[in-house]
Protein backbone atom coordinates (compact mmCIF):
# COMPACT_ATOMS: atom_id res chain seq x y z
CA MET A 1 146.23 91.70 122.15
CA PRO A 2 143.65 90.39 119.65
CA ARG A 3 142.69 92.60 116.70
CA ILE A 4 139.04 93.35 115.96
CA ASP A 5 139.02 91.06 112.91
CA ASP A 6 140.12 88.16 115.13
CA TYR A 7 136.59 88.14 116.57
CA ILE A 8 134.93 87.38 113.23
CA PRO A 9 135.03 83.57 113.72
CA VAL A 10 133.35 83.96 117.12
CA ALA A 11 130.89 86.82 116.59
CA GLY A 12 130.37 86.88 112.83
CA GLU A 13 131.45 89.31 110.12
CA GLY A 14 128.20 91.30 110.28
CA VAL A 15 128.74 92.14 113.95
CA ILE A 16 132.24 93.45 113.31
CA GLU A 17 131.07 95.52 110.36
CA GLU A 18 128.37 97.11 112.55
CA LEU A 19 131.03 98.03 115.12
CA ARG A 20 133.05 99.80 112.42
CA LEU A 21 130.01 101.79 111.30
CA LEU A 22 129.18 102.89 114.85
CA ALA A 23 132.80 103.86 115.52
CA GLU A 24 132.81 106.03 112.40
CA ARG A 25 129.97 108.08 113.89
CA LEU A 26 132.09 108.71 117.01
CA ARG A 27 135.08 110.18 115.15
CA GLY A 28 136.44 113.18 117.04
CA VAL A 29 134.67 112.33 120.33
CA VAL A 30 137.04 111.79 123.28
CA ILE A 31 135.87 109.16 125.81
CA GLN A 32 137.55 109.39 129.24
CA ASN A 33 137.01 106.47 131.63
CA VAL A 34 137.71 107.08 135.32
CA ASN A 35 137.83 104.49 138.12
CA SER A 36 139.85 103.72 141.25
CA THR A 37 142.21 100.88 140.33
CA ALA A 38 144.07 99.52 137.31
CA VAL A 39 144.29 95.95 138.63
CA GLY A 40 141.99 93.53 140.44
CA GLY A 41 138.24 93.15 140.00
CA GLY A 42 135.96 93.13 136.99
CA VAL A 43 135.98 96.86 136.17
CA ALA A 44 139.72 97.03 135.54
CA GLU A 45 139.65 93.76 133.65
CA ILE A 46 136.86 94.94 131.32
CA LEU A 47 138.58 98.27 130.64
CA HIS A 48 141.88 96.56 129.86
CA ARG A 49 140.11 94.60 127.11
CA LEU A 50 137.66 97.21 125.78
CA LEU A 51 139.93 100.21 125.34
CA PRO A 52 142.42 98.74 122.85
CA LEU A 53 139.54 97.52 120.67
CA LEU A 54 137.77 100.89 120.81
CA ARG A 55 141.00 102.59 119.78
CA GLU A 56 141.56 100.17 116.92
CA LEU A 57 138.05 100.96 115.71
CA GLY A 58 138.98 104.64 115.73
CA VAL A 59 137.30 105.75 118.96
CA ASP A 60 139.50 108.11 121.00
CA ALA A 61 139.13 106.26 124.33
CA HIS A 62 141.23 106.89 127.45
CA TRP A 63 141.43 105.64 131.04
CA ASP A 64 142.49 107.55 134.17
CA LEU A 65 142.57 106.73 137.88
CA ILE A 66 141.59 108.75 140.92
CA LYS A 67 143.93 108.89 143.90
CA GLY A 68 143.02 107.61 147.35
CA GLY A 69 144.87 106.33 150.38
CA GLU A 70 144.20 103.40 152.68
CA LYS A 71 141.60 105.30 154.72
CA PHE A 72 139.74 106.43 151.60
CA PHE A 73 139.49 102.88 150.23
CA ALA A 74 138.40 101.59 153.64
CA VAL A 75 135.50 104.07 153.46
CA THR A 76 134.60 103.17 149.87
CA LYS A 77 134.72 99.48 150.80
CA LYS A 78 132.11 100.33 153.44
CA PHE A 79 130.08 102.06 150.73
CA HIS A 80 130.40 98.94 148.58
CA ASN A 81 129.16 96.65 151.35
CA CYS A 82 126.32 99.00 152.25
CA LEU A 83 125.17 99.23 148.64
CA HIS A 84 124.98 95.45 148.71
CA GLY A 85 122.59 95.73 151.66
CA ALA A 86 124.89 95.67 154.71
CA SER A 87 123.56 97.61 157.71
CA THR A 88 126.98 99.05 158.64
CA GLU A 89 126.81 102.74 159.55
CA VAL A 90 129.15 105.19 157.88
CA THR A 91 130.19 107.97 160.26
CA LYS A 92 130.23 111.71 159.53
CA GLU A 93 134.02 111.63 159.76
CA GLU A 94 134.14 108.93 157.07
CA PHE A 95 131.79 110.86 154.77
CA ASP A 96 133.91 113.98 155.32
CA HIS A 97 137.10 112.10 154.46
CA PHE A 98 135.52 110.68 151.30
CA LEU A 99 134.48 114.17 150.21
CA GLU A 100 137.86 115.68 151.12
CA VAL A 101 139.75 113.15 148.97
CA SER A 102 137.17 113.54 146.20
CA GLU A 103 137.60 117.32 146.14
CA GLY A 104 141.37 116.78 145.94
CA ASN A 105 140.85 114.61 142.88
CA ILE A 106 138.62 117.25 141.32
CA ARG A 107 141.37 119.85 141.77
CA GLU A 108 144.22 117.65 140.54
CA MET A 109 142.71 115.54 137.77
CA SER A 110 142.62 116.56 134.15
CA LEU A 111 139.04 115.95 133.00
CA TYR A 112 139.48 116.32 129.27
CA GLY A 113 136.93 113.94 127.74
CA ASP A 114 133.92 114.93 125.68
CA VAL A 115 132.29 112.01 127.53
CA LEU A 116 133.28 111.48 131.16
CA PHE A 117 132.58 107.81 131.87
CA ILE A 118 132.77 107.41 135.66
CA HIS A 119 132.82 103.91 137.15
CA ASP A 120 131.34 103.04 140.57
CA PRO A 121 131.09 105.16 143.76
CA GLN A 122 134.79 105.92 144.36
CA PRO A 123 135.04 108.73 141.74
CA ILE A 124 131.35 109.71 141.71
CA VAL A 125 131.91 113.22 143.17
CA LEU A 126 133.84 114.26 140.05
CA ILE A 127 130.39 115.25 138.73
CA ASN A 128 130.79 118.45 140.78
CA LYS A 129 132.96 119.65 137.90
CA LYS A 130 130.10 119.38 135.41
CA LYS A 131 128.82 122.95 135.77
CA GLU A 132 132.26 124.33 135.05
CA LEU A 133 133.25 121.94 132.24
CA GLY A 134 129.97 121.04 130.60
CA LYS A 135 130.61 117.82 128.63
CA LYS A 136 128.55 114.61 128.77
CA TRP A 137 128.67 112.57 131.98
CA VAL A 138 127.83 108.89 132.48
CA TRP A 139 127.92 107.01 135.79
CA ARG A 140 128.47 103.28 135.37
CA CYS A 141 127.45 101.18 138.40
CA HIS A 142 129.01 97.71 138.39
CA ILE A 143 127.66 96.58 141.77
CA ASP A 144 124.47 94.95 143.06
CA PHE A 145 121.94 97.74 143.68
CA SER A 146 118.91 95.54 144.41
CA CYS A 147 118.60 96.63 148.07
CA PRO A 148 121.06 99.42 148.88
CA ASN A 149 121.48 100.71 152.42
CA PRO A 150 119.26 103.86 152.53
CA GLN A 151 121.93 106.00 154.24
CA ILE A 152 124.50 105.44 151.49
CA TRP A 153 121.99 105.54 148.65
CA GLU A 154 120.57 108.91 149.76
CA PHE A 155 124.12 110.28 149.97
CA LEU A 156 125.11 109.02 146.51
CA LYS A 157 121.79 109.84 144.87
CA THR A 158 122.48 113.58 145.03
CA TYR A 159 125.48 112.97 142.76
CA VAL A 160 123.94 110.23 140.59
CA GLU A 161 121.08 112.48 139.50
CA GLN A 162 123.48 115.06 138.11
CA TYR A 163 124.74 112.63 135.45
CA ASP A 164 123.31 112.53 131.93
CA ARG A 165 123.00 108.72 132.00
CA VAL A 166 123.23 106.00 134.62
CA VAL A 167 124.21 102.48 133.53
CA PHE A 168 123.27 99.36 135.52
CA SER A 169 124.14 95.72 134.86
CA ALA A 170 120.74 94.14 135.57
CA PRO A 171 117.07 95.26 135.64
CA ALA A 172 116.81 94.56 139.38
CA PHE A 173 119.31 97.34 140.10
CA SER A 174 117.23 100.12 138.56
CA ARG A 175 116.27 102.95 140.95
CA GLU A 176 113.74 105.78 140.86
CA LEU A 177 115.82 108.55 139.33
CA HIS A 178 115.36 111.71 137.31
CA THR A 179 118.34 110.61 135.19
CA ARG A 180 117.79 108.28 132.23
CA GLN A 181 118.88 104.73 133.01
CA VAL A 182 120.44 102.20 130.64
CA LEU A 183 120.91 98.44 131.05
CA ILE A 184 124.28 97.18 129.78
CA SER A 185 125.55 93.83 131.01
CA PRO A 186 129.30 93.29 131.31
CA SER A 187 131.09 90.83 129.05
CA ILE A 188 134.01 88.47 128.68
CA ASP A 189 136.68 88.52 126.00
CA PRO A 190 136.73 85.05 124.40
CA LEU A 191 140.22 85.65 123.00
CA SER A 192 141.85 86.84 126.23
CA ASP A 193 144.34 84.70 128.14
CA LYS A 194 141.62 84.02 130.69
CA ASN A 195 139.14 82.64 128.15
CA LYS A 196 140.99 81.41 125.06
CA GLU A 197 141.33 77.70 124.30
CA LEU A 198 144.24 75.97 126.04
CA PRO A 199 145.92 72.69 125.10
CA GLN A 200 145.32 69.84 127.54
CA GLU A 201 149.05 69.56 128.16
CA GLN A 202 149.19 73.14 129.42
CA ILE A 203 146.14 72.66 131.66
CA ALA A 204 147.68 69.50 133.13
CA LYS A 205 151.02 71.22 133.75
CA ILE A 206 149.42 74.13 135.62
CA LEU A 207 147.22 71.90 137.79
CA ASP A 208 150.16 69.64 138.56
CA GLY A 209 152.18 72.72 139.50
CA PHE A 210 149.61 73.60 142.17
CA GLY A 211 149.63 70.01 143.43
CA ILE A 212 146.04 69.36 142.35
CA ASP A 213 145.17 65.70 141.69
CA ARG A 214 143.64 65.49 138.22
CA THR A 215 142.29 61.97 138.85
CA ARG A 216 139.76 63.15 141.47
CA PRO A 217 136.86 65.61 141.08
CA ILE A 218 137.76 69.31 141.33
CA ILE A 219 135.33 72.00 142.56
CA THR A 220 136.50 75.57 141.90
CA GLN A 221 135.48 79.11 142.76
CA ILE A 222 137.43 81.98 141.21
CA SER A 223 136.86 85.33 142.94
CA ARG A 224 138.39 87.96 145.14
CA PHE A 225 138.67 86.92 148.80
CA ASP A 226 135.68 89.01 149.82
CA TYR A 227 132.95 88.29 152.37
CA LEU A 228 130.29 88.93 149.71
CA LYS A 229 131.76 86.13 147.56
CA ASP A 230 131.13 83.82 150.57
CA PRO A 231 134.34 81.77 150.49
CA ALA A 232 133.44 80.42 153.93
CA GLY A 233 130.17 79.11 152.49
CA VAL A 234 132.11 77.48 149.65
CA VAL A 235 134.29 75.61 152.17
CA LYS A 236 131.13 74.44 153.96
CA VAL A 237 129.67 73.22 150.66
CA TYR A 238 132.85 71.30 149.93
CA LYS A 239 132.83 69.65 153.36
CA LEU A 240 129.25 68.45 152.84
CA VAL A 241 130.12 67.03 149.43
CA LYS A 242 133.30 65.47 150.80
CA GLN A 243 131.22 63.32 153.16
CA ARG A 244 130.04 61.30 150.15
CA ILE A 245 132.47 62.01 147.30
CA ASP A 246 136.27 62.16 147.47
CA CYS A 247 136.83 65.58 145.90
CA GLN A 248 139.05 68.65 146.01
CA LEU A 249 138.31 72.36 146.39
CA VAL A 250 140.13 75.23 144.69
CA LEU A 251 139.52 78.78 145.92
CA ALA A 252 141.58 81.16 143.81
CA GLY A 253 141.70 84.89 143.26
CA SER A 254 143.88 87.96 142.86
CA PRO A 255 143.99 90.94 145.21
CA ALA A 256 142.49 94.32 144.26
CA THR A 257 144.33 97.49 145.28
CA ASP A 258 141.08 99.19 146.38
CA ASP A 259 139.91 96.29 148.58
CA PRO A 260 141.44 96.50 152.09
CA GLU A 261 139.49 93.47 153.41
CA GLY A 262 141.03 90.87 151.10
CA GLU A 263 143.95 89.91 153.31
CA LYS A 264 141.72 89.49 156.37
CA VAL A 265 139.24 87.28 154.49
CA PHE A 266 142.04 85.13 153.07
CA SER A 267 143.49 84.63 156.57
CA GLU A 268 140.11 83.54 157.95
CA ILE A 269 139.54 81.04 155.13
CA LYS A 270 143.05 79.70 155.61
CA GLN A 271 142.15 78.91 159.21
CA MET A 272 138.97 77.12 158.08
CA ALA A 273 140.95 75.01 155.61
CA GLU A 274 143.76 74.16 157.98
CA GLY A 275 144.61 70.46 158.03
CA ASP A 276 142.74 69.60 154.81
CA LYS A 277 145.24 68.90 152.03
CA ASP A 278 142.42 68.77 149.47
CA ILE A 279 141.62 72.48 149.87
CA PHE A 280 143.78 74.70 147.66
CA LEU A 281 143.74 78.40 148.57
CA LEU A 282 145.51 80.25 145.80
CA LEU A 283 146.25 83.95 146.21
CA LEU A 284 147.38 84.57 142.65
CA PRO A 285 149.36 87.62 141.53
CA ALA A 286 147.64 90.09 139.22
CA GLY A 287 147.79 88.92 135.62
CA SER A 288 147.49 85.20 136.37
CA ASP A 289 144.94 84.82 133.60
CA ILE A 290 146.38 81.67 132.02
CA GLU A 291 146.42 79.99 135.45
CA ILE A 292 142.80 80.95 136.11
CA ASN A 293 141.81 79.71 132.65
CA ALA A 294 143.51 76.36 133.30
CA LEU A 295 141.94 76.00 136.75
CA GLN A 296 138.47 76.55 135.30
CA ARG A 297 139.05 74.20 132.36
CA GLY A 298 140.47 71.53 134.64
CA SER A 299 137.50 71.66 137.03
CA ASP A 300 134.50 69.37 137.12
CA VAL A 301 132.15 71.94 138.71
CA ILE A 302 132.54 75.72 138.96
CA LEU A 303 130.89 77.63 141.81
CA GLN A 304 130.04 81.28 142.32
CA LYS A 305 128.39 81.30 145.72
CA SER A 306 128.07 85.05 146.12
CA LEU A 307 125.84 86.61 148.76
CA ARG A 308 125.57 89.73 146.58
CA GLU A 309 126.82 90.21 143.05
CA GLY A 310 126.90 93.07 140.60
CA PHE A 311 127.09 90.68 137.68
CA GLY A 312 129.61 87.92 138.32
CA LEU A 313 131.74 87.61 135.20
CA THR A 314 133.33 84.44 136.56
CA VAL A 315 129.97 82.79 135.80
CA SER A 316 130.21 83.72 132.11
CA GLU A 317 133.85 82.63 132.12
CA GLY A 318 132.92 79.20 133.44
CA LEU A 319 130.01 78.84 131.04
CA TRP A 320 132.18 79.87 128.08
CA LYS A 321 134.43 76.93 128.88
CA ALA A 322 131.35 74.66 128.67
CA LYS A 323 131.62 73.78 132.35
CA PRO A 324 128.63 73.16 134.63
CA VAL A 325 128.28 76.25 136.82
CA ILE A 326 126.40 76.42 140.11
CA ALA A 327 125.83 79.98 141.30
CA SER A 328 123.73 81.96 143.73
CA ALA A 329 120.51 83.47 142.38
CA VAL A 330 121.61 87.03 143.17
CA GLY A 331 122.44 90.20 141.24
CA GLY A 332 123.15 89.69 137.55
CA ILE A 333 123.74 85.94 137.81
CA PRO A 334 120.17 84.92 136.82
CA LEU A 335 120.73 86.80 133.54
CA GLN A 336 123.50 84.33 132.80
CA ILE A 337 121.96 81.09 134.06
CA THR A 338 118.59 79.57 133.31
CA HIS A 339 118.11 77.05 136.10
CA LYS A 340 118.67 73.45 135.02
CA TYR A 341 119.18 74.53 131.40
CA SER A 342 122.40 76.56 131.21
CA GLY A 343 123.54 76.00 134.79
CA ILE A 344 122.20 75.73 138.32
CA LEU A 345 120.91 78.52 140.56
CA THR A 346 120.96 77.99 144.33
CA ARG A 347 120.23 79.90 147.51
CA THR A 348 121.60 77.74 150.36
CA ILE A 349 124.73 75.85 151.33
CA GLU A 350 122.79 72.58 151.50
CA GLY A 351 121.18 73.14 148.10
CA THR A 352 124.54 73.97 146.54
CA ALA A 353 126.10 70.80 147.99
CA TYR A 354 123.17 68.73 146.69
CA TYR A 355 123.66 69.96 143.13
CA VAL A 356 127.44 69.56 143.29
CA ARG A 357 126.95 65.91 144.21
CA GLN A 358 124.37 65.49 141.45
CA LEU A 359 126.72 66.89 138.81
CA LEU A 360 129.72 64.89 140.00
CA ASN A 361 127.63 61.72 139.89
CA ASN A 362 126.12 62.55 136.49
CA PRO A 363 128.81 64.14 134.29
CA GLU A 364 126.65 63.78 131.14
CA TYR A 365 124.11 66.16 132.67
CA GLY A 366 126.93 68.56 133.49
CA GLN A 367 128.15 68.45 129.89
CA LYS A 368 124.67 69.32 128.64
CA LEU A 369 124.42 72.29 131.01
CA GLY A 370 127.89 73.44 129.95
CA ALA A 371 127.09 73.27 126.24
CA ASN A 372 123.88 75.29 126.70
CA GLY A 373 125.70 77.80 128.88
CA ARG A 374 128.43 78.37 126.31
CA GLU A 375 125.88 79.21 123.61
CA HIS A 376 124.05 81.58 125.95
CA VAL A 377 127.30 83.45 126.58
CA ARG A 378 128.11 83.50 122.85
CA ASN A 379 124.78 85.16 122.13
CA ASN A 380 124.71 87.63 125.02
CA PHE A 381 127.90 88.25 126.97
CA LEU A 382 130.85 88.57 124.59
CA ILE A 383 132.95 91.72 124.31
CA THR A 384 131.65 92.50 120.80
CA ARG A 385 128.13 93.02 122.18
CA HIS A 386 129.60 95.19 124.96
CA LEU A 387 131.44 97.38 122.44
CA ARG A 388 128.23 97.85 120.48
CA ASP A 389 126.23 98.83 123.57
CA TYR A 390 128.82 101.34 124.77
CA MET A 391 129.14 103.02 121.39
CA LEU A 392 125.35 103.28 121.09
CA LEU A 393 125.28 104.79 124.58
CA PHE A 394 127.88 107.42 123.64
CA LEU A 395 126.02 108.25 120.44
CA SER A 396 122.75 108.66 122.34
CA LEU A 397 124.33 111.45 124.40
CA PHE A 398 124.77 113.55 121.27
CA ASN A 399 121.63 112.46 119.42
CA GLU A 400 118.76 112.92 121.88
CA GLY A 401 116.14 113.06 119.13
CA ASP A 402 117.32 109.98 117.27
CA MET A 403 115.99 106.46 117.74
CA ILE A 404 119.01 104.56 119.03
CA TYR A 405 118.42 101.14 120.57
CA LEU A 406 120.63 99.98 123.43
């Protein structure tokens, strides 16, 4: 793992010194993160990178998981889809099961932090322990809240408003709440295996290992196999582009333990791709960060054609590698891309295909977009900024009268 001083060449010495000063003010404060899975998805990935750096800085940061079986995660997946705007109805039996498992977690979990940092809906009911324990409680929402299903939102709101702070990833997700709200965008770690520089020989070896032809254009989307990531739409985009340009498509992702739909989505996309040797569906094992890095660096165009998106860190990952990124104008993606300056924002399959063709036919334009995108990420979406925001958030919980900017 990188040390905090390793980030000086990327972020600057002044930024690292500020992090040390903030961490000093948090001496003796125990931060306990709680979520539902240790692997798969952006939340686990961010925590894996943030916690070691917080600890090195001297912040007593921890990470614990709730328990939940297949039925529980099927219900919370429904919650997830509904919060993204799906009209699916959650039954009384499903709500009851969610609450039953949640109460079991409340009884069994050790909630020892001075700050309880709860991530997403799965562990949200832990707040019921607040009256007994006291402490400071923060709910961190990582998903797209721009038009939540009213049934689920009204259910969750009763818990959300008991927290001391609520953290969203983009301004569009803000809700009318009694609780104070904070905007903190996620980040990428530029020194992680997924984002660090790779030698061309290593990139070539990995692409060759997957059977990808490096002499023809490569279009890539990295994401979980999830309906909201619209892998079917990506295949349709590719087929439109293929009519005019001989190209290849890579759809790659790792499974998440709290996502029961992944296998079904992968099977459906496999059927769509059947018979086309230029479509590469890669279900990568957890921890395939070097492979993902190489796939992005070896690509000519990176897509993120999400229907809904909490933030979409794969966009920042692609931009950091100075690649032209085409992504849907949803969720937190417009924070990362200024249209036709640091990438391309689209809304339709046809529009996405049009811009893919344009970038493949004009690689100089793609290089310009990629260069602008990399600088935008450097200034806004690196892990050092994320560390600063989180420490300021924690300090604000204990210094209500102070002027602390987030």
